[in-house]
Protein backbone atom coordinates (compact mmCIF):
# COMPACT_ATOMS: atom_id res chain seq x y z
CA MET A 1 97.11 44.70 84.35
CA LEU A 2 93.56 44.31 83.06
CA VAL A 3 93.26 40.89 83.89
CA ALA A 4 94.54 41.33 87.55
CA THR A 5 91.94 44.69 88.12
CA GLN A 6 89.30 42.06 86.46
CA THR A 7 89.98 39.36 88.68
CA ILE A 8 89.83 41.79 92.15
CA LEU A 9 86.80 43.08 90.70
CA ARG A 10 85.37 39.83 90.25
CA TRP A 11 86.34 38.60 93.64
CA THR A 12 85.01 41.76 95.94
CA ALA A 13 81.76 41.44 93.93
CA ARG A 14 81.40 37.57 94.97
CA ILE A 15 82.61 37.99 98.80
CA THR A 16 80.33 41.21 99.09
CA GLY A 17 77.36 40.03 97.69
CA MET A 18 77.93 36.40 99.60
CA LEU A 19 78.24 38.66 102.96
CA LEU A 20 75.10 40.26 101.99
CA VAL A 21 73.32 36.89 101.28
CA GLY A 22 74.38 35.78 104.66
CA MET A 23 73.31 38.73 106.49
CA VAL A 24 69.69 38.74 105.14
CA LEU A 25 69.84 34.93 105.78
CA ALA A 26 71.13 35.91 109.61
CA PHE A 27 67.53 38.15 109.88
CA VAL A 28 65.46 35.59 108.36
CA VAL A 29 66.53 32.80 110.55
CA GLY A 30 66.79 35.08 113.59
CA GLU A 31 63.20 36.75 113.06
CA GLY A 32 61.41 34.65 110.54
CA LEU A 33 60.12 35.17 106.93
CA PRO A 34 56.98 37.28 107.06
CA ASN A 35 53.90 36.48 105.50
CA VAL A 36 54.39 38.23 102.25
CA LEU A 37 50.60 37.55 101.62
CA ARG A 38 49.36 39.51 104.41
CA GLN A 39 52.06 42.59 103.59
CA PRO A 40 50.48 45.38 101.74
CA PRO A 41 51.07 44.80 97.58
CA TYR A 42 53.92 47.39 97.84
CA VAL A 43 55.80 45.38 100.65
CA ALA A 44 55.32 42.13 98.39
CA ILE A 45 57.18 44.01 95.51
CA GLU A 46 59.92 45.07 97.62
CA PHE A 47 60.31 41.62 98.94
CA VAL A 48 60.42 40.82 95.13
CA GLY A 49 63.38 43.13 94.56
CA ILE A 50 65.05 41.91 97.54
CA GLY A 51 65.03 38.58 96.16
CA LEU A 52 66.15 39.83 92.81
CA MET A 53 69.31 41.17 94.40
CA LEU A 54 69.94 38.18 96.30
CA ALA A 55 69.59 35.71 93.34
CA GLY A 56 71.87 38.22 91.43
CA PHE A 57 74.59 38.05 93.76
CA VAL A 58 74.41 34.10 93.60
CA ILE A 59 73.79 33.99 89.73
CA GLY A 60 77.15 36.43 89.62
CA TRP A 61 79.69 33.67 90.40
CA ARG A 62 79.01 31.75 87.29
CA ARG A 63 77.38 34.43 85.26
CA GLU A 64 78.68 37.99 86.21
CA ALA A 65 77.00 39.99 83.44
CA ILE A 66 73.43 38.35 84.19
CA GLY A 67 73.72 38.29 88.07
CA GLY A 68 75.36 42.02 87.91
CA ALA A 69 72.18 42.92 85.93
CA THR A 70 69.54 41.16 87.68
CA ALA A 71 70.68 42.54 90.97
CA ILE A 72 70.88 45.94 89.89
CA ILE A 73 67.22 45.49 88.33
CA GLY A 74 66.01 44.33 91.76
CA PHE A 75 67.70 47.17 93.51
CA GLY A 76 65.86 49.60 90.97
CA THR A 77 62.69 47.64 91.64
CA PHE A 78 62.83 47.96 95.54
CA ALA A 79 64.25 51.84 95.23
CA VAL A 80 61.54 52.72 93.16
CA THR A 81 58.84 51.07 94.61
CA GLU A 82 59.90 53.05 98.01
CA LEU A 83 59.89 56.34 95.92
CA ILE A 84 56.25 55.79 94.90
CA VAL A 85 55.24 54.60 98.09
CA ASN A 86 57.29 56.91 100.28
CA GLN A 87 58.12 60.08 98.20
CA HIS A 88 61.90 59.29 98.88
CA LEU A 89 64.53 57.11 97.81
CA PRO A 90 65.49 54.43 100.42
CA ALA A 91 67.93 55.62 103.09
CA GLY A 92 70.94 53.87 104.93
CA ALA A 93 72.77 50.61 104.50
CA ILE A 94 70.49 49.52 101.53
CA TRP A 95 72.56 51.09 98.91
CA LEU A 96 75.36 48.52 99.92
CA PHE A 97 73.22 46.13 97.89
CA VAL A 98 73.84 47.88 94.62
CA VAL A 99 77.46 47.76 95.05
CA PRO A 100 78.06 43.88 94.28
CA GLY A 101 75.93 44.31 91.18
CA PHE A 102 78.01 47.32 89.31
CA LEU A 103 81.03 45.42 90.35
CA LEU A 104 79.82 42.29 88.66
CA LEU A 105 79.25 44.10 85.47
CA ALA A 106 82.31 45.88 85.97
CA SER A 107 83.99 42.62 85.88
CA SER A 108 82.41 41.28 83.15
CA GLY A 109 82.82 44.09 80.84
CA MET A 110 86.84 44.08 81.94
CA ARG A 111 86.81 40.29 81.04
CA LEU A 112 85.32 41.12 77.54
CA CYS A 113 87.94 43.80 76.47
CA THR A 114 90.68 41.50 77.62
CA GLN A 115 89.19 38.41 75.80
CA PRO A 116 91.13 38.21 72.02
CA ARG A 117 88.65 38.92 69.60
CA ASN A 118 88.25 35.90 66.57
CA ARG A 119 87.91 37.83 63.00
């Protein structure tokens, strides 16, 4: 039962992560990538956070724990920057970007629980 749940978590994380990567790529292709060097520093930091989130989703295909942690660190970077600059946490659909990271970590944790231990 745990193996089936872990598989569902892993594939849900992979699919949602790739959908979010695809959505961001569609925006980049449609609108073009802004010149980060001409943006205020806090915008550049938010771009780093978004880049970490997207990289975490891709890394998560092979290394679930590292990918999940990278995605969550990226979201944290984005959210803390938003909190410092605008005095409130980000609102709206941006919170969907944290879901694949937590799913990857949950899948990794379940995999560790189901592996036989060498003694």
